[in-house]
Amino acid sequence: MEMITSDQNRIYKTCVKLGMKKYRDKFGMYLVEGSKLVDEAFKAGQAENIIVREDYHKQTDFPGVDTAFIMGKLFSKVAQTETSQGIMAIVRKPEMTEEVFLGRIAEGRGNVVVLDGLQDPGNIGTIIRTADAAGYSGVLTVRGTGDVYSPKVVRSAMGSLFRIPVYAADTPETAAALLVRGEKKIVGTSLDAEKYYYEEDLSENIALVIGNEGNGMSEDFKRRTCLNIKIPMSGEVDSLNAAVAAGVLMYQSIGKVKKNG
């Protein structure tokens, strides 16, 4: 097994570059850190390289994947957390064309969550993880949304990126056109909506649009929704955190299915 001792090593230099979005986009790869995420990447067949700190003593047997030990001081320079477990992996992004995405979002109940300009990595990752848990078929992002493969998003998603398909659309127009092709009902979220979420059936073939944390849905998406819904608020509260709101709405679909079943 290779021991990385120099900052000129090819794998080490790749890890450094993958700390930047432009290289994640260019190489079609990203980093995951920690034994759980590395194990999930390996089981999903998406791990390209596994890098283990020299003092790491847990299981390091990953058949078919190049695994290398690395000196502690070099590992610390590319680690994404302050208290690292001592293991990370270079992971290849799954290829996701429009046709592949359309095929995947036709599975199950066919629901999709749309991220329209969200910026907070914690919100993005949490929504992806919740969509996976709530049985959603896919995640569609619109340009202006934060990088789905940034370290904080990857950690917040907790492995859901290995399971749920994510497709990036350039504009609300192209996103909406794709959803129409997939026969999805575009459901917007707005404080000005007349209907509460529990008054509508969100159980199948919807595209739930979650807008920017500060500004909500873009005007371009507002013009393309089939329905707008809202969550009731009490007292002086006028809004919820984007990830919390998304969770409430996505789990409404599960409640409808169980009730109707």
Protein backbone atom coordinates (compact mmCIF):
# COMPACT_ATOMS: atom_id res chain seq x y z
CA MET A 1 0.00 0.00 0.00
CA GLU A 2 1.34 3.42 -0.98
CA MET A 3 2.53 5.85 1.70
CA ILE A 4 2.10 9.51 0.79
CA THR A 5 4.98 11.51 2.25
CA SER A 6 5.24 14.46 -0.14
CA ASP A 7 2.97 17.37 -1.01
CA GLN A 8 3.93 16.70 -4.64
CA ASN A 9 2.11 13.37 -4.61
CA ARG A 10 -0.62 13.16 -7.28
CA ILE A 11 -3.36 11.96 -4.92
CA TYR A 12 -2.50 14.58 -2.30
CA LYS A 13 -2.57 17.37 -4.91
CA THR A 14 -5.94 16.14 -6.14
CA CYS A 15 -7.33 16.29 -2.58
CA VAL A 16 -6.10 19.87 -2.23
CA LYS A 17 -7.76 20.89 -5.50
CA LEU A 18 -11.05 19.21 -4.58
CA GLY A 19 -11.34 21.67 -1.73
CA MET A 20 -12.31 24.18 -4.46
CA LYS A 21 -15.57 24.13 -6.42
CA LYS A 22 -13.96 24.80 -9.80
CA TYR A 23 -11.95 21.62 -9.53
CA ARG A 24 -14.89 19.60 -8.23
CA ASP A 25 -16.73 20.70 -11.36
CA LYS A 26 -13.73 20.13 -13.64
CA PHE A 27 -12.83 16.66 -12.35
CA GLY A 28 -16.38 15.49 -11.59
CA MET A 29 -15.20 14.39 -8.15
CA TYR A 30 -15.46 15.48 -4.52
CA LEU A 31 -14.21 14.48 -1.06
CA VAL A 32 -15.96 12.68 1.76
CA GLU A 33 -14.51 12.24 5.23
CA GLY A 34 -15.17 9.87 8.11
CA SER A 35 -15.56 6.11 8.30
CA LYS A 36 -19.33 6.07 7.74
CA LEU A 37 -19.28 8.18 4.57
CA VAL A 38 -16.22 6.38 3.21
CA ASP A 39 -17.93 3.00 3.79
CA GLU A 40 -21.09 4.22 2.04
CA ALA A 41 -19.10 5.61 -0.91
CA PHE A 42 -17.32 2.26 -1.23
CA LYS A 43 -20.55 0.25 -1.06
CA ALA A 44 -22.15 2.56 -3.64
CA GLY A 45 -19.21 1.93 -5.99
CA GLN A 46 -18.38 5.63 -6.18
CA ALA A 47 -15.05 5.74 -4.30
CA GLU A 48 -12.06 6.38 -6.56
CA ASN A 49 -9.31 6.57 -3.93
CA ILE A 50 -9.29 6.10 -0.17
CA ILE A 51 -6.75 8.00 1.91
CA VAL A 52 -5.96 6.85 5.43
CA ARG A 53 -3.94 8.76 8.02
CA GLU A 54 -0.87 6.82 9.13
CA ASP A 55 -2.19 6.34 12.68
CA TYR A 56 -5.64 5.09 11.62
CA HIS A 57 -6.25 1.62 13.10
CA LYS A 58 -9.72 0.63 11.92
CA GLN A 59 -10.67 -1.45 8.89
CA THR A 60 -8.84 -0.42 5.71
CA ASP A 61 -9.77 -3.29 3.40
CA PHE A 62 -11.56 -1.83 0.37
CA PRO A 63 -11.17 -4.38 -2.46
CA GLY A 64 -10.83 -2.87 -5.91
CA VAL A 65 -10.24 0.70 -4.68
CA ASP A 66 -6.78 2.24 -4.52
CA THR A 67 -6.00 2.90 -0.86
CA ALA A 68 -3.03 4.90 0.42
CA PHE A 69 -1.68 5.85 3.83
CA ILE A 70 -0.66 9.47 4.32
CA MET A 71 1.50 11.28 6.84
CA GLY A 72 -0.48 13.01 9.58
CA LYS A 73 0.70 16.52 8.79
CA LEU A 74 -0.33 16.16 5.15
CA PHE A 75 -3.69 14.65 6.07
CA SER A 76 -4.37 17.62 8.36
CA LYS A 77 -3.87 20.02 5.45
CA VAL A 78 -6.66 18.43 3.40
CA ALA A 79 -8.96 17.33 6.24
CA GLN A 80 -12.37 18.99 6.17
CA THR A 81 -13.02 18.79 9.91
CA GLU A 82 -11.00 19.87 12.94
CA THR A 83 -11.37 16.51 14.70
CA SER A 84 -11.00 14.16 11.77
CA GLN A 85 -11.44 10.41 12.13
CA GLY A 86 -8.41 9.93 9.90
CA ILE A 87 -9.98 8.55 6.73
CA MET A 88 -11.33 10.19 3.57
CA ALA A 89 -12.19 9.24 0.01
CA ILE A 90 -12.11 10.81 -3.41
CA VAL A 91 -15.57 10.14 -4.81
CA ARG A 92 -16.74 10.36 -8.40
CA LYS A 93 -20.00 12.22 -8.99
CA PRO A 94 -22.61 9.99 -10.63
CA GLU A 95 -23.26 10.83 -14.28
CA MET A 96 -26.61 12.56 -14.45
CA THR A 97 -28.10 13.49 -17.82
CA GLU A 98 -31.62 14.81 -18.29
CA GLU A 99 -32.78 11.41 -19.52
CA VAL A 100 -31.24 9.54 -16.60
CA PHE A 101 -32.79 12.01 -14.15
CA LEU A 102 -36.22 11.72 -15.78
CA GLY A 103 -36.01 7.95 -15.50
CA ARG A 104 -35.07 8.09 -11.85
CA ILE A 105 -37.78 10.58 -10.86
CA ALA A 106 -40.42 8.36 -12.42
CA GLU A 107 -39.71 5.77 -9.71
CA GLY A 108 -41.68 5.38 -6.48
CA ARG A 109 -44.16 8.19 -5.87
CA GLY A 110 -42.20 10.37 -8.24
CA ASN A 111 -41.84 13.42 -6.00
CA VAL A 112 -38.99 15.89 -6.54
CA VAL A 113 -37.70 18.72 -4.37
CA VAL A 114 -36.41 21.78 -6.22
CA LEU A 115 -33.76 24.01 -4.64
CA ASP A 116 -34.30 27.48 -6.08
CA GLY A 117 -31.33 29.60 -5.05
CA LEU A 118 -30.68 28.15 -1.59
CA GLN A 119 -27.30 29.20 -0.21
CA ASP A 120 -26.81 27.75 3.26
CA PRO A 121 -24.88 24.44 3.01
CA GLY A 122 -26.55 23.08 6.14
CA ASN A 123 -29.99 23.72 4.68
CA ILE A 124 -29.06 22.18 1.33
CA GLY A 125 -27.60 19.03 2.87
CA THR A 126 -30.45 18.64 5.34
CA ILE A 127 -33.07 18.97 2.61
CA ILE A 128 -31.30 16.35 0.48
CA ARG A 129 -31.15 13.98 3.44
CA THR A 130 -34.81 14.61 4.32
CA ALA A 131 -35.88 14.07 0.70
CA ASP A 132 -34.10 10.71 0.77
CA ALA A 133 -35.76 9.76 4.07
CA ALA A 134 -39.21 10.91 2.92
CA GLY A 135 -39.07 8.75 -0.19
CA TYR A 136 -38.59 11.53 -2.73
CA SER A 137 -37.29 10.39 -6.11
CA GLY A 138 -34.88 13.22 -6.88
CA VAL A 139 -33.43 16.66 -6.18
CA LEU A 140 -33.31 19.39 -8.83
CA THR A 141 -31.12 22.42 -8.24
CA VAL A 142 -31.26 25.75 -10.08
CA ARG A 143 -28.26 27.93 -10.83
CA GLY A 144 -27.62 30.18 -7.83
CA THR A 145 -28.01 27.30 -5.39
CA GLY A 146 -24.88 26.49 -3.37
CA ASP A 147 -22.58 23.66 -4.43
CA VAL A 148 -24.21 20.34 -3.56
CA TYR A 149 -20.78 18.71 -3.30
CA SER A 150 -19.16 21.22 -0.94
CA PRO A 151 -17.78 19.70 2.30
CA LYS A 152 -20.51 21.12 4.55
CA VAL A 153 -23.32 19.97 2.28
CA VAL A 154 -21.79 16.49 1.96
CA ARG A 155 -21.57 16.18 5.75
CA SER A 156 -25.14 17.43 6.26
CA ALA A 157 -26.52 15.07 3.61
CA MET A 158 -25.05 12.13 5.58
CA GLY A 159 -24.68 9.75 2.63
CA SER A 160 -27.93 10.58 0.82
CA LEU A 161 -25.92 11.88 -2.16
CA PHE A 162 -25.00 8.25 -2.85
CA ARG A 163 -28.66 7.27 -3.14
CA ILE A 164 -30.85 10.10 -4.42
CA PRO A 165 -30.27 11.55 -7.91
CA VAL A 166 -29.36 15.23 -8.12
CA TYR A 167 -29.57 17.21 -11.36
CA ALA A 168 -28.52 20.84 -11.89
CA ALA A 169 -30.57 23.06 -14.20
CA ASP A 170 -29.26 26.36 -15.53
CA THR A 171 -32.40 28.45 -15.07
CA PRO A 172 -35.92 28.23 -13.61
CA GLU A 173 -37.17 28.03 -17.19
CA THR A 174 -35.11 24.94 -18.04
CA ALA A 175 -35.91 23.40 -14.64
CA ALA A 176 -39.64 23.90 -15.16
CA ALA A 177 -39.45 22.51 -18.71
CA LEU A 178 -37.72 19.39 -17.41
CA LEU A 179 -40.38 18.95 -14.72
CA VAL A 180 -43.14 19.31 -17.30
CA ARG A 181 -41.48 16.60 -19.39
CA GLY A 182 -41.49 14.43 -16.29
CA GLU A 183 -45.21 15.17 -15.78
CA LYS A 184 -44.65 16.76 -12.37
CA LYS A 185 -47.04 19.24 -10.79
CA ILE A 186 -44.94 22.25 -9.76
CA VAL A 187 -45.84 23.27 -6.21
CA GLY A 188 -44.49 26.55 -4.90
CA THR A 189 -44.06 27.71 -1.33
CA SER A 190 -45.10 31.26 -0.51
CA LEU A 191 -46.32 33.22 2.51
CA ASP A 192 -48.85 34.83 0.15
CA ALA A 193 -50.41 31.52 -0.91
CA GLU A 194 -54.13 31.05 -0.26
CA LYS A 195 -53.92 27.30 0.50
CA TYR A 196 -52.33 25.61 3.50
CA TYR A 197 -50.17 22.59 2.74
CA TYR A 198 -52.53 20.14 4.47
CA GLU A 199 -55.40 21.18 2.21
CA GLU A 200 -53.66 19.76 -0.85
CA ASP A 201 -52.60 16.28 -1.93
CA LEU A 202 -48.79 16.25 -2.13
CA SER A 203 -48.49 12.48 -2.25
CA GLU A 204 -47.46 11.82 -5.85
CA ASN A 205 -45.70 13.39 -8.84
CA ILE A 206 -45.13 16.83 -7.41
CA ALA A 207 -42.11 19.10 -7.70
CA LEU A 208 -41.86 20.99 -4.41
CA VAL A 209 -40.00 24.29 -4.87
CA ILE A 210 -38.02 25.59 -1.88
CA GLY A 211 -36.83 29.13 -2.43
CA ASN A 212 -33.88 31.18 -1.23
CA GLU A 213 -33.57 31.61 2.55
CA GLY A 214 -34.08 35.38 2.43
CA ASN A 215 -36.05 36.03 -0.74
CA GLY A 216 -38.13 32.91 -1.26
CA MET A 217 -38.95 31.61 -4.72
CA SER A 218 -37.61 33.50 -7.70
CA GLU A 219 -40.11 35.43 -9.80
CA ASP A 220 -39.32 33.13 -12.73
CA PHE A 221 -40.47 30.11 -10.74
CA LYS A 222 -43.51 31.90 -9.30
CA ARG A 223 -44.79 32.30 -12.86
CA ARG A 224 -44.47 28.58 -13.49
CA THR A 225 -46.08 26.98 -10.44
CA CYS A 226 -49.31 25.03 -10.76
CA LEU A 227 -50.12 25.57 -7.09
CA ASN A 228 -48.76 27.57 -4.17
CA ILE A 229 -49.01 26.47 -0.54
CA LYS A 230 -48.04 27.82 2.87
CA ILE A 231 -47.45 26.63 6.42
CA PRO A 232 -49.55 28.22 9.19
CA MET A 233 -47.69 30.49 11.62
CA SER A 234 -48.62 31.48 15.16
CA GLY A 235 -47.75 34.58 17.16
CA GLU A 236 -45.11 36.90 15.75
CA VAL A 237 -43.30 34.23 13.70
CA ASP A 238 -43.59 34.90 9.98
CA SER A 239 -41.34 32.20 8.50
CA LEU A 240 -39.49 28.95 9.16
CA ASN A 241 -35.96 27.86 8.40
CA ALA A 242 -35.89 26.56 4.81
CA ALA A 243 -34.85 23.04 5.79
CA VAL A 244 -37.51 22.83 8.52
CA ALA A 245 -40.22 24.03 6.13
CA ALA A 246 -39.08 21.56 3.47
CA GLY A 247 -39.21 18.74 6.02
CA VAL A 248 -42.75 19.60 7.10
CA LEU A 249 -43.93 19.64 3.49
CA MET A 250 -42.09 16.54 2.31
CA TYR A 251 -43.39 14.46 5.20
CA GLN A 252 -46.93 15.65 4.46
CA SER A 253 -46.78 13.43 1.38
CA ILE A 254 -46.03 10.38 3.54
CA GLY A 255 -48.96 11.20 5.81
CA LYS A 256 -51.33 11.41 2.84
CA VAL A 257 -50.14 8.05 1.46
CA LYS A 258 -50.63 6.30 4.82
CA LYS A 259 -54.02 7.91 5.37
CA ASN A 260 -55.25 7.03 1.89
CA GLY A 261 -53.78 3.53 2.07
